């Protein structure tokens, strides 16, 4: 089943986010290689694809896991969480309808 992982950044975390990005992306690439990643991306803090120094307010990942518990464990192990980029992550089941 798919699960949505919505993570919220702490204020002024852009430098930590940039420093930790390679480790964060490596985990997403692993999900992609396994055919389990539906979508992933950051949430710009302003209405722009490139928010510059405004940074990001969080991230959204939708991926397939065996259970809600597995999805939560994956989210809890995110390098962004360990580095203090994320304040919290919310994990919920997701039912893809369209497209």
Protein backbone atom coordinates (compact mmCIF):
# COMPACT_ATOMS: atom_id res chain seq x y z
CA UNK A 1 0.00 0.00 0.00
CA UNK A 2 1.08 3.59 -0.54
CA UNK A 3 1.74 5.92 2.38
CA UNK A 4 2.05 9.70 2.49
CA UNK A 5 4.92 11.10 4.54
CA UNK A 6 4.45 14.82 5.17
CA UNK A 7 7.39 16.37 6.98
CA UNK A 8 7.57 19.91 8.35
CA UNK A 9 10.85 21.83 8.53
CA UNK A 10 11.98 23.76 11.58
CA UNK A 11 12.51 27.48 11.01
CA UNK A 12 15.81 28.54 9.42
CA UNK A 13 16.86 24.98 8.52
CA UNK A 14 18.01 25.62 4.94
CA UNK A 15 21.74 25.21 5.68
CA UNK A 16 21.11 21.91 7.49
CA UNK A 17 18.84 20.78 4.64
CA UNK A 18 21.48 21.50 2.00
CA UNK A 19 24.23 19.75 3.99
CA UNK A 20 22.12 16.63 4.56
CA UNK A 21 20.49 16.49 1.11
CA UNK A 22 22.78 13.81 -0.43
CA UNK A 23 21.95 11.30 2.33
CA UNK A 24 18.24 12.16 2.14
CA UNK A 25 18.19 11.72 -1.65
CA UNK A 26 20.07 8.40 -1.47
CA UNK A 27 17.19 6.89 0.50
CA UNK A 28 14.68 8.17 -2.04
CA UNK A 29 16.77 6.79 -4.90
CA UNK A 30 16.69 3.39 -3.18
CA UNK A 31 12.88 3.49 -3.04
CA UNK A 32 12.83 4.52 -6.71
CA UNK A 33 15.17 1.67 -7.72
CA UNK A 34 12.86 -0.75 -5.90
CA UNK A 35 9.85 0.61 -7.83
CA UNK A 36 8.20 1.82 -4.60
CA UNK A 37 8.38 5.62 -5.01
CA UNK A 38 5.29 7.35 -6.40
CA UNK A 39 6.47 10.93 -5.85
CA UNK A 40 8.73 13.02 -3.68
CA UNK A 41 9.70 16.65 -3.37
CA UNK A 42 10.22 19.67 -1.16
CA UNK A 43 7.64 22.33 -0.30
CA UNK A 44 9.00 25.81 -1.14
CA UNK A 45 8.36 28.41 1.56
CA UNK A 46 7.29 30.91 -1.11
CA UNK A 47 5.38 30.60 -4.36
CA UNK A 48 8.43 29.80 -6.49
CA UNK A 49 10.10 26.69 -7.87
CA UNK A 50 13.40 28.15 -6.64
CA UNK A 51 12.75 29.79 -3.28
CA UNK A 52 16.40 30.77 -2.82
CA UNK A 53 17.18 31.86 0.72
CA UNK A 54 13.49 31.56 1.70
CA UNK A 55 14.09 27.82 1.74
CA UNK A 56 11.49 25.16 2.26
CA UNK A 57 8.69 24.50 4.72
CA UNK A 58 8.82 20.71 4.45
CA UNK A 59 8.67 17.73 2.14
CA UNK A 60 6.18 15.24 0.74
CA UNK A 61 6.93 11.60 -0.08
CA UNK A 62 4.41 9.06 -1.32
CA UNK A 63 5.83 5.56 -1.44
CA UNK A 64 4.85 1.91 -1.07
CA UNK A 65 5.51 0.09 2.19
CA UNK A 66 4.32 -3.22 3.62
CA UNK A 67 2.55 -1.49 6.53
CA UNK A 68 1.96 1.80 8.28
CA UNK A 69 4.53 0.72 10.87
CA UNK A 70 7.16 0.16 8.15
CA UNK A 71 6.40 3.56 6.62
CA UNK A 72 6.71 5.22 10.03
CA UNK A 73 10.05 3.48 10.71
CA UNK A 74 11.33 4.66 7.32
CA UNK A 75 10.24 8.23 8.06
CA UNK A 76 11.78 8.11 11.54
CA UNK A 77 15.16 7.17 10.01
CA UNK A 78 15.28 10.12 7.60
CA UNK A 79 18.62 11.97 7.75
CA UNK A 80 16.73 15.28 7.71
CA UNK A 81 15.06 14.32 10.99
CA UNK A 82 18.38 13.34 12.59
CA UNK A 83 20.03 16.57 11.36
CA UNK A 84 17.29 18.77 12.81
CA UNK A 85 15.78 19.82 9.48
CA UNK A 86 12.39 18.29 10.23
CA UNK A 87 10.37 19.20 13.29
CA UNK A 88 8.00 16.30 12.71
CA UNK A 89 6.70 13.85 10.11
CA UNK A 90 3.14 12.66 9.65
CA UNK A 91 2.58 9.27 8.02
CA UNK A 92 -0.81 8.23 6.69
CA UNK A 93 -2.16 5.62 4.26
CA UNK A 94 -2.62 6.96 0.74
CA UNK A 95 -4.98 5.62 -1.93
CA UNK A 96 -3.93 6.60 -5.45
CA UNK A 97 -6.99 7.30 -7.60
CA UNK A 98 -5.77 9.52 -10.46
CA UNK A 99 -4.11 9.52 -12.89
